[in-house]
């Protein structure tokens, strides 16, 4: 498609959908909407609400900014210094100026102000969480997660099995285990970094 053909929300949506090999019905199903909604969006008959734009962007591995305005936000990039190989030996990268571009719209940050999860998560560090929530905590057993409990509390802990099948234990590296709690949603921790790495 030529740039002039991608000058509207509908044209960009159609182009991304085609690039992913999805039908209108499949895309509607991915965002939890009726199968007939995508056609009017692609014909620019009306704009979906912001929440639907965000779901469309996530389903198409794009951004709301691209769908709405035709521009992609500048993704943060981190230089790659090499590859960790066998025995922990770092080998230099062969490609020129390699970088890792972060999909920052898929991440949430959680500054650490406590020692409960040390030494893995230190005070003054920032935990990075996957933005999408999972309503299947059992799929993340053994992982560090941000767990939402049935009583509304949010806890950063290691998700562990409990004695009851419908409950979980929440482990800490430097604190007591919270036993037998109902967990309704989780976000996996995907990394952490020292707060000194933040801009500003």
C-alpha atoms as a PDB file:
ATOM      1  CA  UNK A   1       0.000   0.000   0.000  1.00  0.00           C
ATOM      2  CA  UNK A   2       1.126   3.521  -0.749  1.00  0.00           C
ATOM      3  CA  UNK A   3       1.386   6.064   2.076  1.00  0.00           C
ATOM      4  CA  UNK A   4      -1.630   7.985   0.729  1.00  0.00           C
ATOM      5  CA  UNK A   5      -3.715   4.829   1.015  1.00  0.00           C
ATOM      6  CA  UNK A   6      -2.881   4.621   4.734  1.00  0.00           C
ATOM      7  CA  UNK A   7      -4.097   8.117   5.554  1.00  0.00           C
ATOM      8  CA  UNK A   8      -7.081   7.042   7.664  1.00  0.00           C
ATOM      9  CA  UNK A   9      -7.733   4.951  10.741  1.00  0.00           C
ATOM     10  CA  UNK A  10      -9.699   2.431   8.681  1.00  0.00           C
ATOM     11  CA  UNK A  11      -6.971   2.039   6.067  1.00  0.00           C
ATOM     12  CA  UNK A  12      -4.310   1.451   8.726  1.00  0.00           C
ATOM     13  CA  UNK A  13      -6.538  -1.035  10.529  1.00  0.00           C
ATOM     14  CA  UNK A  14      -7.234  -2.955   7.299  1.00  0.00           C
ATOM     15  CA  UNK A  15      -3.544  -2.977   6.353  1.00  0.00           C
ATOM     16  CA  UNK A  16      -2.475  -4.339   9.748  1.00  0.00           C
ATOM     17  CA  UNK A  17      -5.236  -6.956   9.712  1.00  0.00           C
ATOM     18  CA  UNK A  18      -4.202  -8.150   6.239  1.00  0.00           C
ATOM     19  CA  UNK A  19      -0.548  -8.242   7.302  1.00  0.00           C
ATOM     20  CA  UNK A  20      -1.504 -10.571  10.162  1.00  0.00           C
ATOM     21  CA  UNK A  21      -3.604 -12.744   7.828  1.00  0.00           C
ATOM     22  CA  UNK A  22      -6.755 -12.229   9.900  1.00  0.00           C
ATOM     23  CA  UNK A  23     -10.331 -12.030   8.677  1.00  0.00           C
ATOM     24  CA  UNK A  24     -12.641  -9.343  10.048  1.00  0.00           C
ATOM     25  CA  UNK A  25     -14.463 -12.053  12.024  1.00  0.00           C
ATOM     26  CA  UNK A  26     -11.195 -13.349  13.545  1.00  0.00           C
ATOM     27  CA  UNK A  27     -10.091  -9.852  14.557  1.00  0.00           C
ATOM     28  CA  UNK A  28     -13.500  -9.105  16.107  1.00  0.00           C
ATOM     29  CA  UNK A  29     -13.239 -12.332  18.105  1.00  0.00           C
ATOM     30  CA  UNK A  30      -9.751 -11.394  19.345  1.00  0.00           C
ATOM     31  CA  UNK A  31     -11.050  -8.132  20.798  1.00  0.00           C
ATOM     32  CA  UNK A  32     -14.243  -9.648  22.198  1.00  0.00           C
ATOM     33  CA  UNK A  33     -16.658  -7.807  19.897  1.00  0.00           C
ATOM     34  CA  UNK A  34     -19.418  -8.855  17.485  1.00  0.00           C
ATOM     35  CA  UNK A  35     -18.149 -10.047  14.099  1.00  0.00           C
ATOM     36  CA  UNK A  36     -19.754  -7.141  12.226  1.00  0.00           C
ATOM     37  CA  UNK A  37     -17.894  -4.272  13.961  1.00  0.00           C
ATOM     38  CA  UNK A  38     -14.623  -4.377  12.021  1.00  0.00           C
ATOM     39  CA  UNK A  39     -16.108  -3.530   8.603  1.00  0.00           C
ATOM     40  CA  UNK A  40     -17.480  -0.121   9.674  1.00  0.00           C
ATOM     41  CA  UNK A  41     -14.201   0.687  11.426  1.00  0.00           C
ATOM     42  CA  UNK A  42     -12.238  -0.115   8.259  1.00  0.00           C
ATOM     43  CA  UNK A  43     -14.631   1.965   6.119  1.00  0.00           C
ATOM     44  CA  UNK A  44     -14.197   4.899   8.543  1.00  0.00           C
ATOM     45  CA  UNK A  45     -17.953   4.974   9.153  1.00  0.00           C
ATOM     46  CA  UNK A  46     -17.292   5.594  12.828  1.00  0.00           C
ATOM     47  CA  UNK A  47     -14.411   5.531  15.291  1.00  0.00           C
ATOM     48  CA  UNK A  48     -14.257   2.912  18.015  1.00  0.00           C
ATOM     49  CA  UNK A  49     -13.851   4.061  21.625  1.00  0.00           C
ATOM     50  CA  UNK A  50     -10.298   4.386  22.964  1.00  0.00           C
ATOM     51  CA  UNK A  51     -10.571   1.095  24.902  1.00  0.00           C
ATOM     52  CA  UNK A  52     -11.380  -0.750  21.649  1.00  0.00           C
ATOM     53  CA  UNK A  53      -8.546   1.023  19.806  1.00  0.00           C
ATOM     54  CA  UNK A  54      -6.168  -0.262  22.491  1.00  0.00           C
ATOM     55  CA  UNK A  55      -7.511  -3.808  22.099  1.00  0.00           C
ATOM     56  CA  UNK A  56      -7.186  -3.605  18.310  1.00  0.00           C
ATOM     57  CA  UNK A  57      -3.600  -2.342  18.617  1.00  0.00           C
ATOM     58  CA  UNK A  58      -2.675  -5.143  21.012  1.00  0.00           C
ATOM     59  CA  UNK A  59      -4.290  -7.820  18.818  1.00  0.00           C
ATOM     60  CA  UNK A  60      -2.421  -6.504  15.765  1.00  0.00           C
ATOM     61  CA  UNK A  61       0.904  -5.995  17.608  1.00  0.00           C
ATOM     62  CA  UNK A  62       0.777  -2.285  16.908  1.00  0.00           C
ATOM     63  CA  UNK A  63       0.115   0.843  18.966  1.00  0.00           C
ATOM     64  CA  UNK A  64      -2.940   3.041  19.478  1.00  0.00           C
ATOM     65  CA  UNK A  65      -0.831   5.984  18.242  1.00  0.00           C
ATOM     66  CA  UNK A  66      -0.255   4.275  14.913  1.00  0.00           C
ATOM     67  CA  UNK A  67      -3.916   3.356  14.429  1.00  0.00           C
ATOM     68  CA  UNK A  68      -5.201   6.796  15.433  1.00  0.00           C
ATOM     69  CA  UNK A  69      -2.565   9.101  13.980  1.00  0.00           C
ATOM     70  CA  UNK A  70      -0.411   7.035  11.626  1.00  0.00           C
ATOM     71  CA  UNK A  71       2.701   7.396  13.717  1.00  0.00           C
ATOM     72  CA  UNK A  72       4.528   4.993  15.923  1.00  0.00           C
ATOM     73  CA  UNK A  73       5.919   6.276  19.201  1.00  0.00           C
ATOM     74  CA  UNK A  74       9.689   6.206  19.457  1.00  0.00           C
ATOM     75  CA  UNK A  75      10.467   2.932  21.159  1.00  0.00           C
ATOM     76  CA  UNK A  76      13.161   3.020  23.831  1.00  0.00           C
ATOM     77  CA  UNK A  77      16.264   1.270  22.553  1.00  0.00           C
ATOM     78  CA  UNK A  78      19.073  -0.318  24.542  1.00  0.00           C
ATOM     79  CA  UNK A  79      22.449  -1.139  22.956  1.00  0.00           C
ATOM     80  CA  UNK A  80      23.346  -4.835  22.860  1.00  0.00           C
ATOM     81  CA  UNK A  81      26.898  -5.535  24.001  1.00  0.00           C
ATOM     82  CA  UNK A  82      27.054  -9.215  23.082  1.00  0.00           C
ATOM     83  CA  UNK A  83      25.461 -12.604  23.561  1.00  0.00           C
ATOM     84  CA  UNK A  84      25.729 -14.749  26.678  1.00  0.00           C
ATOM     85  CA  UNK A  85      26.811 -18.187  25.572  1.00  0.00           C
ATOM     86  CA  UNK A  86      27.960 -21.511  27.045  1.00  0.00           C
ATOM     87  CA  UNK A  87      29.715 -21.278  30.387  1.00  0.00           C
ATOM     88  CA  UNK A  88      28.575 -17.685  30.842  1.00  0.00           C
ATOM     89  CA  UNK A  89      31.035 -16.421  28.230  1.00  0.00           C
ATOM     90  CA  UNK A  90      29.977 -13.237  26.435  1.00  0.00           C
ATOM     91  CA  UNK A  91      30.597 -13.236  22.688  1.00  0.00           C
ATOM     92  CA  UNK A  92      30.680  -9.973  20.746  1.00  0.00           C
ATOM     93  CA  UNK A  93      27.779  -9.325  18.384  1.00  0.00           C
ATOM     94  CA  UNK A  94      28.563  -9.539  14.667  1.00  0.00           C
ATOM     95  CA  UNK A  95      25.947  -7.030  13.479  1.00  0.00           C
ATOM     96  CA  UNK A  96      26.672  -3.312  13.527  1.00  0.00           C
ATOM     97  CA  UNK A  97      25.011  -1.262  16.292  1.00  0.00           C
ATOM     98  CA  UNK A  98      22.511  -3.894  17.477  1.00  0.00           C
ATOM     99  CA  UNK A  99      19.801  -2.693  19.835  1.00  0.00           C
ATOM    100  CA  UNK A 100      16.892  -4.083  21.789  1.00  0.00           C
ATOM    101  CA  UNK A 101      13.750  -2.001  21.174  1.00  0.00           C
ATOM    102  CA  UNK A 102      11.310  -2.156  24.069  1.00  0.00           C
ATOM    103  CA  UNK A 103       7.572  -2.486  23.473  1.00  0.00           C
ATOM    104  CA  UNK A 104       6.951  -0.002  26.244  1.00  0.00           C
ATOM    105  CA  UNK A 105       3.187  -0.036  25.691  1.00  0.00           C
ATOM    106  CA  UNK A 106       3.254  -3.672  26.831  1.00  0.00           C
ATOM    107  CA  UNK A 107       5.086  -2.911  30.102  1.00  0.00           C
ATOM    108  CA  UNK A 108       4.215  -1.484  33.501  1.00  0.00           C
ATOM    109  CA  UNK A 109       6.724  -0.312  36.109  1.00  0.00           C
ATOM    110  CA  UNK A 110       6.663  -0.958  39.852  1.00  0.00           C
ATOM    111  CA  UNK A 111       9.307   0.850  41.956  1.00  0.00           C
ATOM    112  CA  UNK A 112      10.557  -1.296  44.860  1.00  0.00           C
ATOM    113  CA  UNK A 113      10.575   0.425  48.256  1.00  0.00           C
ATOM    114  CA  UNK A 114      10.875  -2.670  50.488  1.00  0.00           C
ATOM    115  CA  UNK A 115      13.238  -5.580  51.193  1.00  0.00           C
ATOM    116  CA  UNK A 116      10.614  -8.371  51.175  1.00  0.00           C
ATOM    117  CA  UNK A 117      11.704  -9.649  47.769  1.00  0.00           C
ATOM    118  CA  UNK A 118      15.470  -9.148  48.164  1.00  0.00           C
ATOM    119  CA  UNK A 119      17.920 -10.169  46.859  1.00  0.00           C
ATOM    120  CA  UNK A 120      16.044 -10.628  43.560  1.00  0.00           C
ATOM    121  CA  UNK A 121      14.209  -7.276  43.773  1.00  0.00           C
ATOM    122  CA  UNK A 122      16.212  -4.685  45.680  1.00  0.00           C
ATOM    123  CA  UNK A 123      15.047  -1.448  47.267  1.00  0.00           C
ATOM    124  CA  UNK A 124      15.575   1.320  44.704  1.00  0.00           C
ATOM    125  CA  UNK A 125      15.048  -0.981  41.730  1.00  0.00           C
ATOM    126  CA  UNK A 126      12.075  -1.034  39.382  1.00  0.00           C
ATOM    127  CA  UNK A 127      10.225  -4.237  38.511  1.00  0.00           C
ATOM    128  CA  UNK A 128       8.866  -4.470  34.960  1.00  0.00           C
ATOM    129  CA  UNK A 129       5.504  -6.191  34.594  1.00  0.00           C
ATOM    130  CA  UNK A 130       3.691  -7.451  31.517  1.00  0.00           C
ATOM    131  CA  UNK A 131       0.764  -5.038  30.979  1.00  0.00           C
ATOM    132  CA  UNK A 132      -1.791  -7.704  30.003  1.00  0.00           C
ATOM    133  CA  UNK A 133      -3.326  -9.448  33.021  1.00  0.00           C
ATOM    134  CA  UNK A 134      -3.831 -13.198  33.169  1.00  0.00           C
ATOM    135  CA  UNK A 135      -6.927 -14.644  34.779  1.00  0.00           C
ATOM    136  CA  UNK A 136      -5.215 -18.067  34.817  1.00  0.00           C
ATOM    137  CA  UNK A 137      -2.752 -17.800  37.717  1.00  0.00           C
ATOM    138  CA  UNK A 138      -2.077 -21.554  37.557  1.00  0.00           C
ATOM    139  CA  UNK A 139      -0.215 -20.973  34.283  1.00  0.00           C
ATOM    140  CA  UNK A 140       2.371 -18.856  36.112  1.00  0.00           C
ATOM    141  CA  UNK A 141       3.249 -21.159  39.011  1.00  0.00           C
ATOM    142  CA  UNK A 142       6.833 -20.688  40.147  1.00  0.00           C
ATOM    143  CA  UNK A 143       7.080 -17.208  38.597  1.00  0.00           C
ATOM    144  CA  UNK A 144       7.374 -13.815  40.246  1.00  0.00           C
ATOM    145  CA  UNK A 145       4.092 -12.001  39.683  1.00  0.00           C
ATOM    146  CA  UNK A 146       2.011  -9.040  40.744  1.00  0.00           C
ATOM    147  CA  UNK A 147      -0.940 -10.908  42.237  1.00  0.00           C
ATOM    148  CA  UNK A 148      -4.365  -9.376  42.738  1.00  0.00           C
ATOM    149  CA  UNK A 149      -6.110 -11.114  45.614  1.00  0.00           C
ATOM    150  CA  UNK A 150      -9.853 -11.608  45.980  1.00  0.00           C
ATOM    151  CA  UNK A 151      -9.855  -8.974  48.767  1.00  0.00           C
ATOM    152  CA  UNK A 152      -8.350  -6.370  46.390  1.00  0.00           C
ATOM    153  CA  UNK A 153      -4.767  -6.386  47.692  1.00  0.00           C
ATOM    154  CA  UNK A 154      -1.901  -6.340  45.177  1.00  0.00           C
ATOM    155  CA  UNK A 155       1.291  -8.172  46.143  1.00  0.00           C
ATOM    156  CA  UNK A 156       4.587  -8.766  44.370  1.00  0.00           C
ATOM    157  CA  UNK A 157       5.405 -12.379  45.212  1.00  0.00           C
ATOM    158  CA  UNK A 158       6.452 -15.773  43.862  1.00  0.00           C
ATOM    159  CA  UNK A 159       3.300 -17.718  42.936  1.00  0.00           C
ATOM    160  CA  UNK A 160       3.279 -21.183  44.498  1.00  0.00           C
ATOM    161  CA  UNK A 161       0.765 -24.039  44.715  1.00  0.00           C
ATOM    162  CA  UNK A 162      -1.269 -24.361  47.909  1.00  0.00           C
ATOM    163  CA  UNK A 163      -2.851 -27.373  49.593  1.00  0.00           C
ATOM    164  CA  UNK A 164      -6.265 -26.428  48.144  1.00  0.00           C
ATOM    165  CA  UNK A 165      -6.600 -26.502  44.350  1.00  0.00           C
ATOM    166  CA  UNK A 166      -8.476 -23.168  44.231  1.00  0.00           C
ATOM    167  CA  UNK A 167      -5.876 -21.304  46.349  1.00  0.00           C
ATOM    168  CA  UNK A 168      -2.244 -20.250  46.069  1.00  0.00           C
ATOM    169  CA  UNK A 169       0.691 -19.600  48.364  1.00  0.00           C
ATOM    170  CA  UNK A 170       2.660 -16.406  47.828  1.00  0.00           C
ATOM    171  CA  UNK A 171       6.357 -16.747  48.571  1.00  0.00           C
ATOM    172  CA  UNK A 172       8.881 -14.033  49.375  1.00  0.00           C
ATOM    173  CA  UNK A 173      12.678 -14.172  49.191  1.00  0.00           C
ATOM    174  CA  UNK A 174      13.098 -12.243  52.436  1.00  0.00           C
ATOM    175  CA  UNK A 175       9.799 -12.625  54.253  1.00  0.00           C
ATOM    176  CA  UNK A 176       7.074 -15.041  55.300  1.00  0.00           C
ATOM    177  CA  UNK A 177       4.982 -17.084  52.874  1.00  0.00           C
ATOM    178  CA  UNK A 178       1.346 -16.006  52.624  1.00  0.00           C
ATOM    179  CA  UNK A 179      -0.601 -19.247  52.542  1.00  0.00           C
ATOM    180  CA  UNK A 180      -3.860 -20.301  50.920  1.00  0.00           C
ATOM    181  CA  UNK A 181      -5.068 -17.073  49.318  1.00  0.00           C
ATOM    182  CA  UNK A 182      -7.505 -16.603  46.439  1.00  0.00           C
ATOM    183  CA  UNK A 183      -5.738 -14.980  43.489  1.00  0.00           C
ATOM    184  CA  UNK A 184      -8.017 -13.516  40.823  1.00  0.00           C
ATOM    185  CA  UNK A 185      -5.500 -12.021  38.390  1.00  0.00           C
ATOM    186  CA  UNK A 186      -1.751 -11.902  37.884  1.00  0.00           C
ATOM    187  CA  UNK A 187       0.780  -9.977  35.850  1.00  0.00           C
ATOM    188  CA  UNK A 188       4.136 -11.716  35.375  1.00  0.00           C
ATOM    189  CA  UNK A 189       7.336  -9.886  36.217  1.00  0.00           C
ATOM    190  CA  UNK A 190       9.434  -9.752  33.054  1.00  0.00           C
ATOM    191  CA  UNK A 191      12.518  -8.048  34.461  1.00  0.00           C
ATOM    192  CA  UNK A 192      13.911  -5.389  36.752  1.00  0.00           C
ATOM    193  CA  UNK A 193      16.499  -2.645  36.676  1.00  0.00           C
ATOM    194  CA  UNK A 194      18.193  -0.139  38.924  1.00  0.00           C
ATOM    195  CA  UNK A 195      16.240   3.115  39.143  1.00  0.00           C
ATOM    196  CA  UNK A 196      19.424   5.004  38.258  1.00  0.00           C
ATOM    197  CA  UNK A 197      18.866   3.815  34.677  1.00  0.00           C
ATOM    198  CA  UNK A 198      15.733   6.009  34.407  1.00  0.00           C
ATOM    199  CA  UNK A 199      15.895   9.227  32.422  1.00  0.00           C
ATOM    200  CA  UNK A 200      15.226  12.484  34.246  1.00  0.00           C
END
